[in-house]
Amino acid sequence: MSVSETKEIIVNGFWKNNGVFVQMLGMCPTLGVTTSAENGIGMGLATTAVLVGSNMVVSMVRKVIPNDVRIPAFIIIIASFVTIVDLAMNAFVHDLHKVLGLFIPLIVVNCIILGRAEAFASKNSVIGSILDGVFTGLGFTFALFLLGSVRELLGSGQWLGQQIMPLDYQPALGFILPPGAFIALGFILVWQKWIDQRATAKK
């Protein structure tokens, strides 16, 4: 794999084709668990672990899976890694596991994971697929962390559990509620598009 190909995988996974900011995939966990930055990090890293593992295995067995059953086979592989991540989180970060709840098993149906298995891992090398999984997952984690940070800061005046806003700050509780997630995500998408437009204008 050349340096340019590696750079393209990294940039596309983290920013240019970010699953949340660009492709608008994985909206269920994005809007459902990002009431705090910590929740966003936890969900993002869990998804990243599944992405890396499933991408690696799909790439390894891509030549032996019949084309007619590739999607069911991919889902079984993804579900296996989700089960591993679910049990590991329950054992080692039980409090976070309880907060994320049903959203962890729902990683199985996250379109980002199946999309990368079908669009990338089933057509590329193991190393490239692992790299794609890592940076697609980190891009997803960044998106959830950023949205969770905005909602937590504006909705409670805290960030990562620490008081940031002045004590007399009146929290905008709407940002903790589901409508606030849509509003915060909208402003973040505007910010992301603005950065891309400035970068394009400088070229």
N, C-alpha and C. Protein backbone atom coordinates (compact mmCIF):
# COMPACT_ATOMS: atom_id res chain seq x y z
N MET A 1 0.84 -1.19 0.00
CA MET A 1 0.00 0.00 0.00
C MET A 1 0.88 1.24 0.00
N SER A 2 0.63 2.15 -0.95
CA SER A 2 1.45 3.34 -1.08
C SER A 2 1.10 4.37 -0.01
N VAL A 3 1.98 5.36 0.14
CA VAL A 3 1.75 6.42 1.12
C VAL A 3 0.50 7.21 0.77
N SER A 4 0.31 7.49 -0.52
CA SER A 4 -0.87 8.27 -0.95
C SER A 4 -2.16 7.51 -0.67
N GLU A 5 -2.16 6.19 -0.87
CA GLU A 5 -3.34 5.39 -0.57
C GLU A 5 -3.64 5.37 0.92
N THR A 6 -2.57 5.26 1.72
CA THR A 6 -2.75 5.29 3.17
C THR A 6 -3.32 6.62 3.63
N LYS A 7 -2.77 7.71 3.09
CA LYS A 7 -3.25 9.05 3.45
C LYS A 7 -4.71 9.22 3.06
N GLU A 8 -5.07 8.71 1.88
CA GLU A 8 -6.45 8.83 1.42
C GLU A 8 -7.42 8.08 2.34
N ILE A 9 -7.02 6.88 2.77
CA ILE A 9 -7.86 6.11 3.69
C ILE A 9 -8.06 6.86 5.00
N ILE A 10 -6.97 7.44 5.52
CA ILE A 10 -7.03 8.15 6.80
C ILE A 10 -7.93 9.38 6.70
N VAL A 11 -7.70 10.20 5.67
CA VAL A 11 -8.46 11.45 5.52
C VAL A 11 -9.93 11.16 5.24
N ASN A 12 -10.19 10.19 4.37
CA ASN A 12 -11.58 9.86 4.05
C ASN A 12 -12.32 9.31 5.26
N GLY A 13 -11.67 8.40 6.00
CA GLY A 13 -12.32 7.79 7.15
C GLY A 13 -12.61 8.78 8.26
N PHE A 14 -11.66 9.67 8.52
CA PHE A 14 -11.82 10.58 9.65
C PHE A 14 -12.64 11.82 9.31
N TRP A 15 -12.48 12.35 8.07
CA TRP A 15 -13.08 13.64 7.79
C TRP A 15 -13.92 13.69 6.51
N LYS A 16 -13.30 13.43 5.36
CA LYS A 16 -13.99 13.65 4.08
C LYS A 16 -15.25 12.82 3.92
N ASN A 17 -15.22 11.57 4.36
CA ASN A 17 -16.39 10.70 4.30
C ASN A 17 -16.85 10.31 5.69
N ASN A 18 -16.72 11.24 6.63
CA ASN A 18 -17.12 10.97 8.01
C ASN A 18 -18.55 10.43 8.05
N GLY A 19 -18.73 9.30 8.74
CA GLY A 19 -20.02 8.63 8.74
C GLY A 19 -21.16 9.49 9.24
N VAL A 20 -20.89 10.41 10.16
CA VAL A 20 -21.93 11.27 10.73
C VAL A 20 -22.04 12.58 9.97
N PHE A 21 -20.92 13.29 9.82
CA PHE A 21 -20.94 14.63 9.26
C PHE A 21 -21.21 14.66 7.76
N VAL A 22 -20.81 13.62 7.03
CA VAL A 22 -20.94 13.62 5.57
C VAL A 22 -22.00 12.63 5.10
N GLN A 23 -21.89 11.38 5.55
CA GLN A 23 -22.81 10.36 5.07
C GLN A 23 -24.11 10.29 5.86
N MET A 24 -24.15 10.93 7.02
CA MET A 24 -25.34 10.95 7.87
C MET A 24 -25.82 9.54 8.21
N LEU A 25 -24.87 8.66 8.54
CA LEU A 25 -25.19 7.30 8.94
C LEU A 25 -25.01 7.16 10.46
N GLY A 26 -25.57 6.09 11.01
CA GLY A 26 -25.43 5.86 12.44
C GLY A 26 -26.11 6.92 13.28
N MET A 27 -27.23 7.46 12.79
CA MET A 27 -27.91 8.55 13.49
C MET A 27 -28.55 8.11 14.81
N CYS A 28 -28.93 6.83 14.89
CA CYS A 28 -29.58 6.35 16.12
C CYS A 28 -28.67 6.52 17.34
N PRO A 29 -27.45 5.95 17.34
CA PRO A 29 -26.58 6.19 18.50
C PRO A 29 -26.07 7.62 18.58
N THR A 30 -25.89 8.25 17.41
CA THR A 30 -25.39 9.63 17.41
C THR A 30 -26.31 10.55 18.19
N LEU A 31 -27.60 10.42 17.99
CA LEU A 31 -28.55 11.30 18.67
C LEU A 31 -29.00 10.73 20.01
N GLY A 32 -28.90 9.41 20.17
CA GLY A 32 -29.45 8.78 21.36
C GLY A 32 -28.54 8.78 22.58
N VAL A 33 -27.23 8.67 22.38
CA VAL A 33 -26.34 8.49 23.54
C VAL A 33 -25.48 9.71 23.84
N THR A 34 -25.55 10.75 23.01
CA THR A 34 -24.60 11.86 23.15
C THR A 34 -25.09 12.94 24.12
N THR A 35 -25.68 12.52 25.23
CA THR A 35 -26.06 13.50 26.24
C THR A 35 -24.84 13.99 27.01
N SER A 36 -23.71 13.31 26.84
CA SER A 36 -22.46 13.75 27.47
C SER A 36 -21.29 13.33 26.59
N ALA A 37 -20.17 14.01 26.78
CA ALA A 37 -18.97 13.69 26.01
C ALA A 37 -18.47 12.29 26.33
N GLU A 38 -18.57 11.89 27.59
CA GLU A 38 -18.10 10.56 27.99
C GLU A 38 -18.89 9.46 27.29
N ASN A 39 -20.20 9.63 27.22
CA ASN A 39 -21.02 8.65 26.51
C ASN A 39 -20.64 8.56 25.04
N GLY A 40 -20.36 9.72 24.44
CA GLY A 40 -19.96 9.75 23.05
C GLY A 40 -18.66 9.00 22.81
N ILE A 41 -17.69 9.21 23.69
CA ILE A 41 -16.41 8.51 23.57
C ILE A 41 -16.61 7.00 23.73
N GLY A 42 -17.38 6.61 24.73
CA GLY A 42 -17.61 5.18 24.97
C GLY A 42 -18.27 4.49 23.80
N MET A 43 -19.32 5.10 23.27
CA MET A 43 -20.02 4.51 22.13
C MET A 43 -19.14 4.49 20.89
N GLY A 44 -18.39 5.58 20.70
CA GLY A 44 -17.51 5.66 19.53
C GLY A 44 -16.41 4.61 19.55
N LEU A 45 -15.79 4.42 20.70
CA LEU A 45 -14.71 3.44 20.80
C LEU A 45 -15.23 2.01 20.68
N ALA A 46 -16.43 1.76 21.22
CA ALA A 46 -17.04 0.44 21.06
C ALA A 46 -17.29 0.14 19.58
N THR A 47 -17.80 1.13 18.87
CA THR A 47 -18.05 0.98 17.44
C THR A 47 -16.75 0.81 16.67
N THR A 48 -15.71 1.54 17.09
CA THR A 48 -14.41 1.42 16.43
C THR A 48 -13.86 0.01 16.58
N ALA A 49 -13.98 -0.57 17.78
CA ALA A 49 -13.49 -1.94 18.00
C ALA A 49 -14.20 -2.92 17.07
N VAL A 50 -15.51 -2.76 16.94
CA VAL A 50 -16.28 -3.64 16.04
C VAL A 50 -15.87 -3.41 14.59
N LEU A 51 -15.68 -2.15 14.21
CA LEU A 51 -15.27 -1.83 12.84
C LEU A 51 -13.95 -2.47 12.48
N VAL A 52 -12.98 -2.33 13.35
CA VAL A 52 -11.64 -2.88 13.09
C VAL A 52 -11.71 -4.40 12.98
N GLY A 53 -12.37 -5.04 13.95
CA GLY A 53 -12.44 -6.50 13.93
C GLY A 53 -13.20 -7.05 12.74
N SER A 54 -14.36 -6.46 12.45
CA SER A 54 -15.17 -6.96 11.33
C SER A 54 -14.50 -6.69 9.99
N ASN A 55 -13.90 -5.52 9.83
CA ASN A 55 -13.18 -5.21 8.59
C ASN A 55 -12.05 -6.22 8.35
N MET A 56 -11.32 -6.51 9.42
CA MET A 56 -10.19 -7.43 9.30
C MET A 56 -10.66 -8.83 8.86
N VAL A 57 -11.69 -9.35 9.53
CA VAL A 57 -12.16 -10.71 9.22
C VAL A 57 -12.81 -10.76 7.84
N VAL A 58 -13.61 -9.75 7.50
CA VAL A 58 -14.24 -9.72 6.18
C VAL A 58 -13.19 -9.71 5.08
N SER A 59 -12.13 -8.93 5.27
CA SER A 59 -11.06 -8.90 4.27
C SER A 59 -10.35 -10.24 4.16
N MET A 60 -10.19 -10.92 5.29
CA MET A 60 -9.50 -12.21 5.29
C MET A 60 -10.30 -13.30 4.57
N VAL A 61 -11.63 -13.25 4.69
CA VAL A 61 -12.45 -14.34 4.13
C VAL A 61 -13.21 -13.90 2.87
N ARG A 62 -12.89 -12.73 2.36
CA ARG A 62 -13.67 -12.18 1.25
C ARG A 62 -13.67 -13.08 0.01
N LYS A 63 -12.60 -13.84 -0.20
CA LYS A 63 -12.50 -14.66 -1.41
C LYS A 63 -13.18 -16.02 -1.28
N VAL A 64 -13.58 -16.37 -0.07
CA VAL A 64 -14.22 -17.68 0.13
C VAL A 64 -15.71 -17.58 0.43
N ILE A 65 -16.22 -16.36 0.61
CA ILE A 65 -17.65 -16.18 0.86
C ILE A 65 -18.38 -16.06 -0.48
N PRO A 66 -19.34 -16.91 -0.74
CA PRO A 66 -20.11 -16.80 -2.00
C PRO A 66 -20.81 -15.45 -2.09
N ASN A 67 -20.84 -14.89 -3.26
CA ASN A 67 -21.40 -13.56 -3.47
C ASN A 67 -22.85 -13.47 -3.03
N ASP A 68 -23.61 -14.57 -3.19
CA ASP A 68 -25.04 -14.55 -2.88
C ASP A 68 -25.33 -14.42 -1.39
N VAL A 69 -24.39 -14.80 -0.56
CA VAL A 69 -24.64 -14.78 0.90
C VAL A 69 -23.67 -13.84 1.62
N ARG A 70 -23.07 -12.94 0.89
CA ARG A 70 -22.04 -12.11 1.53
C ARG A 70 -22.62 -11.19 2.61
N ILE A 71 -23.81 -10.60 2.37
CA ILE A 71 -24.40 -9.70 3.36
C ILE A 71 -24.75 -10.45 4.64
N PRO A 72 -25.46 -11.58 4.60
CA PRO A 72 -25.70 -12.33 5.85
C PRO A 72 -24.40 -12.75 6.54
N ALA A 73 -23.38 -13.12 5.75
CA ALA A 73 -22.10 -13.51 6.34
C ALA A 73 -21.46 -12.32 7.05
N PHE A 74 -21.53 -11.15 6.41
CA PHE A 74 -20.96 -9.94 7.03
C PHE A 74 -21.68 -9.63 8.35
N ILE A 75 -22.99 -9.77 8.35
CA ILE A 75 -23.77 -9.46 9.56
C ILE A 75 -23.41 -10.42 10.69
N ILE A 76 -23.20 -11.69 10.38
CA ILE A 76 -22.80 -12.66 11.41
C ILE A 76 -21.44 -12.29 11.99
N ILE A 77 -20.51 -11.90 11.12
CA ILE A 77 -19.18 -11.48 11.59
C ILE A 77 -19.30 -10.26 12.48
N ILE A 78 -20.07 -9.27 12.05
CA ILE A 78 -20.25 -8.05 12.84
C ILE A 78 -20.90 -8.36 14.18
N ALA A 79 -21.94 -9.21 14.15
CA ALA A 79 -22.65 -9.56 15.39
C ALA A 79 -21.72 -10.26 16.38
N SER A 80 -20.80 -11.06 15.87
CA SER A 80 -19.85 -11.76 16.75
C SER A 80 -18.98 -10.75 17.49
N PHE A 81 -18.49 -9.75 16.78
CA PHE A 81 -17.64 -8.75 17.43
C PHE A 81 -18.45 -7.84 18.36
N VAL A 82 -19.69 -7.55 18.01
CA VAL A 82 -20.54 -6.77 18.90
C VAL A 82 -20.76 -7.52 20.21
N THR A 83 -20.96 -8.82 20.14
CA THR A 83 -21.14 -9.63 21.35
C THR A 83 -19.89 -9.58 22.23
N ILE A 84 -18.72 -9.67 21.60
CA ILE A 84 -17.45 -9.59 22.35
C ILE A 84 -17.33 -8.24 23.05
N VAL A 85 -17.61 -7.16 22.30
CA VAL A 85 -17.50 -5.81 22.86
C VAL A 85 -18.52 -5.61 23.97
N ASP A 86 -19.74 -6.09 23.76
CA ASP A 86 -20.80 -5.96 24.76
C ASP A 86 -20.40 -6.64 26.08
N LEU A 87 -19.92 -7.87 25.99
CA LEU A 87 -19.52 -8.60 27.20
C LEU A 87 -18.31 -7.96 27.87
N ALA A 88 -17.35 -7.49 27.06
CA ALA A 88 -16.15 -6.85 27.62
C ALA A 88 -16.52 -5.56 28.36
N MET A 89 -17.40 -4.75 27.76
CA MET A 89 -17.81 -3.51 28.42
C MET A 89 -18.58 -3.80 29.70
N ASN A 90 -19.41 -4.83 29.66
CA ASN A 90 -20.16 -5.19 30.86
C ASN A 90 -19.23 -5.63 31.99
N ALA A 91 -18.11 -6.24 31.62
CA ALA A 91 -17.16 -6.73 32.62
C ALA A 91 -16.24 -5.63 33.15
N PHE A 92 -15.78 -4.74 32.26
CA PHE A 92 -14.72 -3.81 32.64
C PHE A 92 -15.18 -2.36 32.82
N VAL A 93 -16.24 -1.95 32.15
CA VAL A 93 -16.78 -0.58 32.33
C VAL A 93 -18.29 -0.70 32.52
N HIS A 94 -18.65 -1.33 33.61
CA HIS A 94 -20.06 -1.70 33.83
C HIS A 94 -20.97 -0.48 33.90
N ASP A 95 -20.51 0.59 34.54
CA ASP A 95 -21.36 1.78 34.66
C ASP A 95 -21.67 2.38 33.29
N LEU A 96 -20.65 2.48 32.43
CA LEU A 96 -20.86 3.00 31.08
C LEU A 96 -21.75 2.05 30.29
N HIS A 97 -21.55 0.76 30.48
CA HIS A 97 -22.37 -0.25 29.80
C HIS A 97 -23.85 -0.07 30.16
N LYS A 98 -24.14 0.22 31.41
CA LYS A 98 -25.53 0.42 31.83
C LYS A 98 -26.12 1.68 31.19
N VAL A 99 -25.30 2.72 31.06
CA VAL A 99 -25.79 3.97 30.47
C VAL A 99 -26.10 3.79 29.00
N LEU A 100 -25.19 3.14 28.28
CA LEU A 100 -25.38 2.97 26.84
C LEU A 100 -26.47 1.95 26.53
N GLY A 101 -26.62 0.97 27.40
CA GLY A 101 -27.73 0.04 27.33
C GLY A 101 -27.92 -0.63 25.98
N LEU A 102 -29.12 -0.51 25.44
CA LEU A 102 -29.51 -1.20 24.22
C LEU A 102 -28.71 -0.74 23.00
N PHE A 103 -28.11 0.43 23.08
CA PHE A 103 -27.39 0.95 21.92
C PHE A 103 -26.14 0.12 21.59
N ILE A 104 -25.61 -0.62 22.55
CA ILE A 104 -24.44 -1.45 22.26
C ILE A 104 -24.82 -2.63 21.35
N PRO A 105 -25.84 -3.43 21.69
CA PRO A 105 -26.24 -4.48 20.74
C PRO A 105 -26.67 -3.93 19.39
N LEU A 106 -27.20 -2.71 19.36
CA LEU A 106 -27.66 -2.12 18.10
C LEU A 106 -26.51 -1.73 17.17
N ILE A 107 -25.27 -1.85 17.65
CA ILE A 107 -24.12 -1.63 16.77
C ILE A 107 -24.19 -2.58 15.58
N VAL A 108 -24.81 -3.74 15.79
CA VAL A 108 -24.93 -4.74 14.71
C VAL A 108 -25.57 -4.12 13.47
N VAL A 109 -26.56 -3.26 13.66
CA VAL A 109 -27.28 -2.70 12.52
C VAL A 109 -26.82 -1.28 12.18
N ASN A 110 -25.67 -0.88 12.71
CA ASN A 110 -25.12 0.43 12.35
C ASN A 110 -24.67 0.38 10.89
N CYS A 111 -25.26 1.24 10.08
CA CYS A 111 -24.99 1.22 8.63
C CYS A 111 -23.53 1.52 8.30
N ILE A 112 -22.85 2.24 9.17
CA ILE A 112 -21.44 2.54 8.91
C ILE A 112 -20.63 1.25 8.84
N ILE A 113 -20.87 0.34 9.77
CA ILE A 113 -20.08 -0.89 9.85
C ILE A 113 -20.35 -1.79 8.66
N LEU A 114 -21.61 -2.05 8.37
CA LEU A 114 -21.94 -2.89 7.22
C LEU A 114 -21.50 -2.22 5.92
N GLY A 115 -21.62 -0.90 5.87
CA GLY A 115 -21.20 -0.17 4.68
C GLY A 115 -19.72 -0.30 4.40
N ARG A 116 -18.90 -0.22 5.44
CA ARG A 116 -17.45 -0.35 5.24
C ARG A 116 -17.07 -1.79 4.90
N ALA A 117 -17.78 -2.75 5.48
CA ALA A 117 -17.51 -4.15 5.14
C ALA A 117 -17.80 -4.41 3.67
N GLU A 118 -18.92 -3.88 3.18
CA GLU A 118 -19.32 -4.11 1.80
C GLU A 118 -18.51 -3.26 0.81
N ALA A 119 -18.31 -1.99 1.14
CA ALA A 119 -17.68 -1.07 0.19
C ALA A 119 -16.16 -1.14 0.19
N PHE A 120 -15.56 -1.51 1.32
CA PHE A 120 -14.10 -1.46 1.40
C PHE A 120 -13.47 -2.81 1.74
N ALA A 121 -13.82 -3.37 2.90
CA ALA A 121 -13.12 -4.56 3.38
C ALA A 121 -13.27 -5.75 2.44
N SER A 122 -14.41 -5.87 1.77
CA SER A 122 -14.63 -7.01 0.87
C SER A 122 -13.87 -6.88 -0.44
N LYS A 123 -13.18 -5.74 -0.62
CA LYS A 123 -12.47 -5.51 -1.87
C LYS A 123 -10.99 -5.17 -1.69
N ASN A 124 -10.53 -5.08 -0.44
CA ASN A 124 -9.18 -4.60 -0.20
C ASN A 124 -8.41 -5.52 0.75
N SER A 125 -7.12 -5.21 0.91
CA SER A 125 -6.23 -6.03 1.73
C SER A 125 -6.58 -5.93 3.20
N VAL A 126 -6.03 -6.86 3.99
CA VAL A 126 -6.29 -6.88 5.43
C VAL A 126 -5.75 -5.61 6.09
N ILE A 127 -4.53 -5.22 5.75
CA ILE A 127 -3.93 -4.02 6.36
C ILE A 127 -4.74 -2.78 6.03
N GLY A 128 -5.10 -2.64 4.76
CA GLY A 128 -5.90 -1.49 4.36
C GLY A 128 -7.25 -1.48 5.04
N SER A 129 -7.85 -2.65 5.21
CA SER A 129 -9.16 -2.75 5.85
C SER A 129 -9.09 -2.41 7.34
N ILE A 130 -8.02 -2.85 7.99
CA ILE A 130 -7.82 -2.49 9.40
C ILE A 130 -7.66 -0.98 9.54
N LEU A 131 -6.85 -0.39 8.66
CA LEU A 131 -6.62 1.05 8.69
C LEU A 131 -7.93 1.81 8.45
N ASP A 132 -8.71 1.33 7.50
CA ASP A 132 -10.01 1.95 7.22
C ASP A 132 -10.92 1.85 8.44
N GLY A 133 -10.93 0.70 9.09
CA GLY A 133 -11.75 0.53 10.29
C GLY A 133 -11.33 1.45 11.42
N VAL A 134 -10.01 1.59 11.61
CA VAL A 134 -9.51 2.44 12.69
C VAL A 134 -9.94 3.89 12.48
N PHE A 135 -9.71 4.43 11.28
CA PHE A 135 -9.95 5.86 11.09
C PHE A 135 -11.41 6.18 10.81
N THR A 136 -12.15 5.24 10.24
CA THR A 136 -13.60 5.44 10.16
C THR A 136 -14.20 5.45 11.56
N GLY A 137 -13.72 4.53 12.41
CA GLY A 137 -14.18 4.49 13.79
C GLY A 137 -13.79 5.72 14.59
N LEU A 138 -12.56 6.19 14.39
CA LEU A 138 -12.13 7.40 15.10
C LEU A 138 -12.90 8.62 14.62
N GLY A 139 -13.23 8.66 13.32
CA GLY A 139 -14.06 9.75 12.81
C GLY A 139 -15.45 9.73 13.45
N PHE A 140 -16.00 8.53 13.60
CA PHE A 140 -17.30 8.38 14.26
C PHE A 140 -17.20 8.78 15.73
N THR A 141 -16.12 8.36 16.39
CA THR A 141 -15.91 8.72 17.79
C THR A 141 -15.78 10.23 17.96
N PHE A 142 -15.03 10.86 17.06
CA PHE A 142 -14.87 12.32 17.11
C PHE A 142 -16.22 13.02 16.98
N ALA A 143 -17.05 12.54 16.04
CA ALA A 143 -18.36 13.15 15.84
C ALA A 143 -19.23 13.02 17.09
N LEU A 144 -19.25 11.83 17.69
CA LEU A 144 -20.06 11.63 18.90
C LEU A 144 -19.50 12.42 20.07
N PHE A 145 -18.18 12.48 20.18
CA PHE A 145 -17.55 13.24 21.26
C PHE A 145 -17.87 14.73 21.13
N LEU A 146 -17.78 15.25 19.91
CA LEU A 146 -18.04 16.67 19.68
C LEU A 146 -19.50 17.01 19.98
N LEU A 147 -20.41 16.18 19.48
CA LEU A 147 -21.83 16.42 19.74
C LEU A 147 -22.15 16.28 21.22
N GLY A 148 -21.58 15.27 21.86
CA GLY A 148 -21.80 15.08 23.28
C GLY A 148 -21.24 16.23 24.11
N SER A 149 -20.09 16.76 23.68
CA SER A 149 -19.48 17.89 24.39
C SER A 149 -20.36 19.12 24.33
N VAL A 150 -20.89 19.42 23.14
CA VAL A 150 -21.76 20.59 22.96
C VAL A 150 -23.02 20.44 23.80
N ARG A 151 -23.63 19.26 23.75
CA ARG A 151 -24.88 19.06 24.49
C ARG A 151 -24.66 19.09 26.00
N GLU A 152 -23.56 18.50 26.45
CA GLU A 152 -23.28 18.49 27.88
C GLU A 152 -22.95 19.90 28.38
N LEU A 153 -22.15 20.62 27.61
CA LEU A 153 -21.72 21.95 28.04
C LEU A 153 -22.91 22.92 28.11
N LEU A 154 -23.73 22.91 27.05
CA LEU A 154 -24.87 23.84 27.02
C LEU A 154 -26.03 23.35 27.88
N GLY A 155 -26.17 22.02 27.99
CA GLY A 155 -27.32 21.48 28.71
C GLY A 155 -27.14 21.38 30.21
N SER A 156 -25.88 21.31 30.67
CA SER A 156 -25.66 21.18 32.12
C SER A 156 -24.55 22.09 32.64
N GLY A 157 -23.81 22.73 31.73
CA GLY A 157 -22.70 23.58 32.15
C GLY A 157 -21.46 22.81 32.51
N GLN A 158 -21.46 21.50 32.24
CA GLN A 158 -20.31 20.66 32.57
C GLN A 158 -19.70 20.07 31.31
N TRP A 159 -18.49 19.54 31.48
CA TRP A 159 -17.81 18.83 30.40
C TRP A 159 -16.98 17.71 31.00
N LEU A 160 -17.23 16.49 30.57
CA LEU A 160 -16.59 15.30 31.14
C LEU A 160 -16.78 15.25 32.65
N GLY A 161 -17.95 15.68 33.09
CA GLY A 161 -18.29 15.63 34.51
C GLY A 161 -17.75 16.77 35.34
N GLN A 162 -17.00 17.68 34.74
CA GLN A 162 -16.42 18.81 35.47
C GLN A 162 -17.19 20.09 35.17
N GLN A 163 -17.42 20.90 36.20
CA GLN A 163 -18.13 22.16 36.02
C GLN A 163 -17.26 23.13 35.22
N ILE A 164 -17.77 23.58 34.08
CA ILE A 164 -17.03 24.50 33.22
C ILE A 164 -17.65 25.89 33.23
N MET A 165 -18.95 25.93 33.08
CA MET A 165 -19.65 27.22 33.07
C MET A 165 -19.68 27.81 34.48
N PRO A 166 -19.85 29.13 34.58
CA PRO A 166 -19.99 29.77 35.91
C PRO A 166 -21.15 29.15 36.68
N LEU A 167 -21.06 29.20 38.00
CA LEU A 167 -22.08 28.58 38.84
C LEU A 167 -23.45 29.20 38.65
N ASP A 168 -23.49 30.47 38.20
CA ASP A 168 -24.78 31.11 37.98
C ASP A 168 -25.31 30.88 36.56
N TYR A 169 -24.63 30.01 35.80
CA TYR A 169 -25.08 29.70 34.44
C TYR A 169 -26.41 28.96 34.49
N GLN A 170 -27.34 29.40 33.65
CA GLN A 170 -28.64 28.74 33.57
C GLN A 170 -28.61 27.72 32.42
N PRO A 171 -28.54 26.42 32.74
CA PRO A 171 -28.42 25.40 31.68
C PRO A 171 -29.58 25.43 30.70
N ALA A 172 -29.25 25.25 29.43
CA ALA A 172 -30.28 25.12 28.40
C ALA A 172 -30.66 23.65 28.33
N LEU A 173 -31.55 23.24 29.20
CA LEU A 173 -31.87 21.82 29.36
C LEU A 173 -32.38 21.17 28.07
N GLY A 174 -32.84 21.99 27.15
CA GLY A 174 -33.32 21.44 25.88
C GLY A 174 -32.24 20.69 25.12
N PHE A 175 -30.96 21.03 25.35
CA PHE A 175 -29.88 20.36 24.64
C PHE A 175 -29.66 18.94 25.15
N ILE A 176 -30.11 18.63 26.34
CA ILE A 176 -30.02 17.26 26.86
C ILE A 176 -31.13 16.40 26.28
N LEU A 177 -32.23 17.04 25.88
CA LEU A 177 -33.38 16.33 25.33
C LEU A 177 -33.17 16.05 23.84
N PRO A 178 -33.93 15.09 23.26
CA PRO A 178 -33.76 14.74 21.84
C PRO A 178 -33.79 15.92 20.86
N PRO A 179 -34.71 16.90 21.02
CA PRO A 179 -34.69 18.02 20.06
C PRO A 179 -33.36 18.77 20.07
N GLY A 180 -32.74 18.87 21.24
CA GLY A 180 -31.46 19.55 21.34
C GLY A 180 -30.37 18.86 20.56
N ALA A 181 -30.47 17.54 20.44
CA ALA A 181 -29.47 16.79 19.67
C ALA A 181 -29.52 17.19 18.20
N PHE A 182 -30.72 17.35 17.66
CA PHE A 182 -30.87 17.75 16.27
C PHE A 182 -30.33 19.17 16.05
N ILE A 183 -30.64 20.07 16.98
CA ILE A 183 -30.19 21.46 16.85
C ILE A 183 -28.67 21.53 16.92
N ALA A 184 -28.07 20.86 17.92
CA ALA A 184 -26.62 20.88 18.07
C ALA A 184 -25.94 20.26 16.86
N LEU A 185 -26.46 19.14 16.36
CA LEU A 185 -25.88 18.50 15.19
C LEU A 185 -25.97 19.41 13.98
N GLY A 186 -27.06 20.13 13.84
CA GLY A 186 -27.20 21.06 12.72
C GLY A 186 -26.12 22.12 12.72
N PHE A 187 -25.84 22.70 13.88
CA PHE A 187 -24.80 23.73 13.96
C PHE A 187 -23.41 23.13 13.71
N ILE A 188 -23.18 21.91 14.17
CA ILE A 188 -21.88 21.25 13.92
C ILE A 188 -21.70 20.97 12.44
N LEU A 189 -22.77 20.57 11.76
CA LEU A 189 -22.68 20.32 10.32
C LEU A 189 -22.37 21.60 9.56
N VAL A 190 -22.97 22.72 9.99
CA VAL A 190 -22.65 24.01 9.37
C VAL A 190 -21.17 24.34 9.56
N TRP A 191 -20.67 24.11 10.76
CA TRP A 191 -19.24 24.36 11.06
C TRP A 191 -18.34 23.50 10.19
N GLN A 192 -18.71 22.23 10.02
CA GLN A 192 -17.91 21.31 9.22
C GLN A 192 -17.89 21.73 7.75
N LYS A 193 -19.04 22.13 7.23
CA LYS A 193 -19.11 22.59 5.83
C LYS A 193 -18.31 23.87 5.65
N TRP A 194 -18.34 24.74 6.64
CA TRP A 194 -17.59 26.01 6.57
C TRP A 194 -16.09 25.74 6.49
N ILE A 195 -15.61 24.79 7.29
CA ILE A 195 -14.19 24.42 7.26
C ILE A 195 -13.82 23.86 5.89
N ASP A 196 -14.66 22.99 5.35
CA ASP A 196 -14.38 22.40 4.03
C ASP A 196 -14.35 23.46 2.94
N GLN A 197 -15.27 24.40 3.00
CA GLN A 197 -15.31 25.46 1.98
C GLN A 197 -14.09 26.36 2.06
N ARG A 198 -13.64 26.67 3.27
CA ARG A 198 -12.43 27.49 3.43
C ARG A 198 -11.21 26.76 2.91
N ALA A 199 -11.13 25.44 3.20
CA ALA A 199 -10.00 24.65 2.72
C ALA A 199 -10.00 24.58 1.19
N THR A 200 -11.18 24.46 0.59
CA THR A 200 -11.28 24.41 -0.87
C THR A 200 -10.90 25.75 -1.49
N ALA A 201 -11.31 26.84 -0.84
CA ALA A 201 -11.02 28.17 -1.38
C ALA A 201 -9.53 28.49 -1.35
N LYS A 202 -8.80 27.89 -0.42
CA LYS A 202 -7.35 28.17 -0.30
C LYS A 202 -6.53 27.43 -1.34
N LYS A 203 -7.14 26.42 -1.97
CA LYS A 203 -6.39 25.62 -2.94
C LYS A 203 -6.27 26.35 -4.27
